[in-house]
């Protein structure tokens, strides 16, 4: 969908109502990203951090789980690479 909008005296435009109704239900704030001569407008949303709960993955030998210190060293050693 393409719309031509006029700027008011302060350089403001109104965002289409259908977009606001669909995207702006959470915060009422947007993020404006400037890329060259283009502006990207995205709704500001709170991240869902709960999706990361219980989701830690590690590539370790099964024997490492028997000793917490060894498991920690394995995890920290691989993360720093």
N, C-alpha and C. Protein backbone atom coordinates (compact mmCIF):
# COMPACT_ATOMS: atom_id res chain seq x y z
N UNK A 1 0.84 -1.18 0.00
CA UNK A 1 0.00 0.00 0.00
C UNK A 1 0.89 1.25 0.00
N UNK A 2 0.58 2.18 -0.80
CA UNK A 2 1.33 3.42 -0.89
C UNK A 2 0.37 4.57 -0.64
N UNK A 3 0.77 5.49 0.22
CA UNK A 3 -0.02 6.69 0.49
C UNK A 3 0.90 7.90 0.44
N UNK A 4 0.39 8.99 -0.08
CA UNK A 4 1.12 10.25 -0.08
C UNK A 4 0.57 11.07 1.08
N UNK A 5 1.47 11.54 1.95
CA UNK A 5 1.06 12.32 3.12
C UNK A 5 1.69 13.71 3.04
N UNK A 6 0.98 14.70 3.53
CA UNK A 6 1.52 16.06 3.61
C UNK A 6 2.07 16.29 5.00
N UNK A 7 3.18 17.00 5.06
CA UNK A 7 3.76 17.39 6.34
C UNK A 7 3.03 18.62 6.86
N UNK A 8 2.84 18.69 8.17
CA UNK A 8 2.30 19.92 8.74
C UNK A 8 3.45 20.91 8.96
N UNK A 9 3.17 22.07 9.55
CA UNK A 9 4.18 23.12 9.72
C UNK A 9 5.36 22.67 10.58
N UNK A 10 5.16 21.66 11.47
CA UNK A 10 6.25 21.15 12.32
C UNK A 10 6.91 19.91 11.72
N UNK A 11 6.57 19.54 10.49
CA UNK A 11 7.19 18.39 9.84
C UNK A 11 6.59 17.06 10.23
N UNK A 12 5.38 17.07 10.78
CA UNK A 12 4.74 15.82 11.23
C UNK A 12 3.83 15.25 10.15
N UNK A 13 3.67 13.93 10.21
CA UNK A 13 2.69 13.24 9.37
C UNK A 13 1.83 12.39 10.29
N UNK A 14 0.66 12.00 9.81
CA UNK A 14 -0.14 11.06 10.59
C UNK A 14 0.07 9.66 10.01
N UNK A 15 0.14 8.69 10.90
CA UNK A 15 0.29 7.30 10.46
C UNK A 15 -1.10 6.75 10.13
N UNK A 16 -1.20 5.91 9.12
CA UNK A 16 -2.51 5.38 8.73
C UNK A 16 -3.21 4.66 9.90
N UNK A 17 -4.50 4.92 10.04
CA UNK A 17 -5.28 4.37 11.16
C UNK A 17 -5.25 2.84 11.15
N UNK A 18 -5.34 2.21 9.99
CA UNK A 18 -5.35 0.74 9.95
C UNK A 18 -4.03 0.18 10.48
N UNK A 19 -2.90 0.87 10.21
CA UNK A 19 -1.60 0.44 10.73
C UNK A 19 -1.54 0.65 12.23
N UNK A 20 -1.98 1.83 12.70
CA UNK A 20 -1.99 2.11 14.14
C UNK A 20 -2.85 1.11 14.89
N UNK A 21 -4.02 0.82 14.37
CA UNK A 21 -4.93 -0.13 15.04
C UNK A 21 -4.35 -1.53 15.10
N UNK A 22 -3.60 -1.89 14.08
CA UNK A 22 -3.02 -3.23 14.02
C UNK A 22 -1.73 -3.35 14.82
N UNK A 23 -0.90 -2.29 14.83
CA UNK A 23 0.44 -2.38 15.38
C UNK A 23 0.68 -1.63 16.69
N UNK A 24 -0.11 -0.63 17.01
CA UNK A 24 0.21 0.28 18.11
C UNK A 24 -0.58 0.01 19.38
N UNK A 25 -1.04 -1.18 19.58
CA UNK A 25 -1.87 -1.50 20.75
C UNK A 25 -1.07 -1.59 22.04
N UNK A 26 0.24 -1.73 21.96
CA UNK A 26 1.02 -1.99 23.18
C UNK A 26 1.55 -0.72 23.84
N UNK A 27 2.37 0.07 23.16
CA UNK A 27 3.06 1.16 23.86
C UNK A 27 2.66 2.55 23.40
N UNK A 28 2.19 2.71 22.18
CA UNK A 28 1.90 4.04 21.68
C UNK A 28 3.14 4.79 21.24
N UNK A 29 4.29 4.09 21.17
CA UNK A 29 5.54 4.70 20.75
C UNK A 29 6.07 3.97 19.52
N UNK A 30 6.81 4.70 18.70
CA UNK A 30 7.43 4.10 17.52
C UNK A 30 8.94 4.35 17.56
N UNK A 31 9.65 3.53 16.82
CA UNK A 31 11.08 3.70 16.62
C UNK A 31 11.25 4.17 15.18
N UNK A 32 12.00 5.25 14.99
CA UNK A 32 12.25 5.78 13.64
C UNK A 32 13.72 5.53 13.32
N UNK A 33 13.96 4.80 12.24
CA UNK A 33 15.31 4.46 11.82
C UNK A 33 15.58 5.15 10.48
N UNK A 34 16.67 5.90 10.44
CA UNK A 34 17.04 6.61 9.22
C UNK A 34 18.08 5.79 8.46
N UNK A 35 17.77 5.48 7.20
CA UNK A 35 18.69 4.75 6.32
C UNK A 35 18.80 5.56 5.03
N UNK A 36 19.85 6.37 4.95
CA UNK A 36 20.00 7.23 3.77
C UNK A 36 18.86 8.22 3.71
N UNK A 37 18.13 8.21 2.58
CA UNK A 37 16.99 9.11 2.45
C UNK A 37 15.66 8.43 2.78
N UNK A 38 15.72 7.31 3.48
CA UNK A 38 14.53 6.55 3.86
C UNK A 38 14.36 6.54 5.37
N UNK A 39 13.12 6.69 5.83
CA UNK A 39 12.80 6.53 7.25
C UNK A 39 11.99 5.26 7.41
N UNK A 40 12.38 4.44 8.36
CA UNK A 40 11.67 3.22 8.69
C UNK A 40 10.98 3.44 10.03
N UNK A 41 9.68 3.26 10.08
CA UNK A 41 8.90 3.45 11.30
C UNK A 41 8.43 2.09 11.79
N UNK A 42 8.84 1.73 13.01
CA UNK A 42 8.45 0.45 13.58
C UNK A 42 7.81 0.67 14.94
N UNK A 43 6.81 -0.11 15.31
CA UNK A 43 6.23 0.04 16.64
C UNK A 43 7.24 -0.39 17.70
N UNK A 44 7.26 0.34 18.81
CA UNK A 44 8.13 -0.04 19.93
C UNK A 44 7.37 -1.08 20.74
N UNK A 45 7.98 -2.25 20.90
CA UNK A 45 7.34 -3.32 21.66
C UNK A 45 8.28 -3.78 22.77
N UNK A 46 7.70 -4.21 23.85
CA UNK A 46 8.49 -4.77 24.93
C UNK A 46 8.92 -6.18 24.53
N UNK A 47 10.19 -6.51 24.69
CA UNK A 47 10.62 -7.87 24.33
C UNK A 47 10.04 -8.90 25.29
N UNK A 48 9.73 -10.05 24.77
CA UNK A 48 9.22 -11.15 25.60
C UNK A 48 10.40 -11.97 26.09
N UNK A 49 10.93 -11.57 27.25
CA UNK A 49 12.11 -12.26 27.78
C UNK A 49 11.79 -13.65 28.29
N UNK A 50 10.53 -13.93 28.58
CA UNK A 50 10.17 -15.25 29.10
C UNK A 50 10.44 -16.36 28.08
N UNK A 51 10.52 -16.00 26.81
CA UNK A 51 10.79 -17.04 25.80
C UNK A 51 12.21 -17.59 25.93
N UNK A 52 13.07 -16.88 26.68
CA UNK A 52 14.44 -17.35 26.89
C UNK A 52 14.58 -18.19 28.15
N UNK A 53 13.55 -18.24 28.99
CA UNK A 53 13.63 -19.04 30.22
C UNK A 53 13.77 -20.51 29.86
N UNK A 54 14.62 -21.20 30.58
CA UNK A 54 14.84 -22.63 30.38
C UNK A 54 15.26 -22.97 28.96
N UNK A 55 15.97 -22.06 28.29
CA UNK A 55 16.33 -22.33 26.91
C UNK A 55 17.84 -22.31 26.67
N UNK A 56 18.60 -22.44 27.72
CA UNK A 56 20.06 -22.43 27.55
C UNK A 56 20.48 -23.74 26.90
N UNK A 57 21.26 -23.62 25.86
CA UNK A 57 21.78 -24.80 25.17
C UNK A 57 23.29 -24.78 25.27
N UNK A 58 23.85 -25.95 25.43
CA UNK A 58 25.31 -26.05 25.55
C UNK A 58 25.76 -27.32 24.84
N UNK A 59 26.88 -27.21 24.18
CA UNK A 59 27.48 -28.36 23.51
C UNK A 59 28.56 -28.90 24.44
N UNK A 60 28.20 -29.88 25.25
CA UNK A 60 29.14 -30.43 26.24
C UNK A 60 29.01 -31.94 26.26
N UNK A 61 30.07 -32.56 26.72
CA UNK A 61 30.03 -34.01 26.89
C UNK A 61 29.08 -34.34 28.04
N UNK A 62 28.36 -35.44 27.94
CA UNK A 62 27.45 -35.82 29.04
C UNK A 62 28.17 -35.94 30.39
N UNK A 63 29.44 -36.34 30.37
CA UNK A 63 30.19 -36.48 31.63
C UNK A 63 30.39 -35.13 32.32
N UNK A 64 30.40 -34.02 31.55
CA UNK A 64 30.58 -32.70 32.13
C UNK A 64 29.43 -32.35 33.10
N UNK A 65 28.25 -32.91 32.87
CA UNK A 65 27.10 -32.60 33.71
C UNK A 65 27.22 -33.22 35.10
N UNK A 66 28.08 -34.18 35.28
CA UNK A 66 28.27 -34.81 36.58
C UNK A 66 29.03 -33.91 37.55
N UNK A 67 29.80 -32.97 37.01
CA UNK A 67 30.61 -32.07 37.84
C UNK A 67 30.32 -30.64 37.42
N UNK A 68 29.67 -29.87 38.30
CA UNK A 68 29.25 -28.51 37.96
C UNK A 68 30.44 -27.63 37.58
N UNK A 69 31.54 -27.73 38.29
CA UNK A 69 32.71 -26.91 37.99
C UNK A 69 33.23 -27.21 36.58
N UNK A 70 33.27 -28.47 36.23
CA UNK A 70 33.73 -28.88 34.90
C UNK A 70 32.75 -28.38 33.82
N UNK A 71 31.46 -28.48 34.11
CA UNK A 71 30.45 -28.01 33.16
C UNK A 71 30.58 -26.49 32.96
N UNK A 72 30.78 -25.77 34.04
CA UNK A 72 30.93 -24.31 33.96
C UNK A 72 32.16 -23.94 33.13
N UNK A 73 33.27 -24.63 33.36
CA UNK A 73 34.48 -24.36 32.58
C UNK A 73 34.26 -24.66 31.11
N UNK A 74 33.56 -25.73 30.82
CA UNK A 74 33.25 -26.08 29.43
C UNK A 74 32.40 -24.99 28.78
N UNK A 75 31.37 -24.55 29.50
CA UNK A 75 30.47 -23.52 28.94
C UNK A 75 31.19 -22.20 28.76
N UNK A 76 31.96 -21.77 29.71
CA UNK A 76 32.67 -20.50 29.62
C UNK A 76 33.76 -20.56 28.58
N UNK A 77 34.43 -21.69 28.47
CA UNK A 77 35.49 -21.84 27.48
C UNK A 77 34.97 -21.77 26.07
N UNK A 78 33.82 -22.34 25.82
CA UNK A 78 33.25 -22.33 24.45
C UNK A 78 32.64 -20.99 24.11
N UNK A 79 32.12 -20.29 25.12
CA UNK A 79 31.50 -18.99 24.86
C UNK A 79 32.53 -17.95 24.47
N UNK A 80 33.73 -18.05 25.04
CA UNK A 80 34.75 -17.03 24.78
C UNK A 80 35.44 -17.21 23.44
N UNK A 81 35.22 -18.30 22.76
CA UNK A 81 35.89 -18.55 21.47
C UNK A 81 35.27 -17.72 20.38
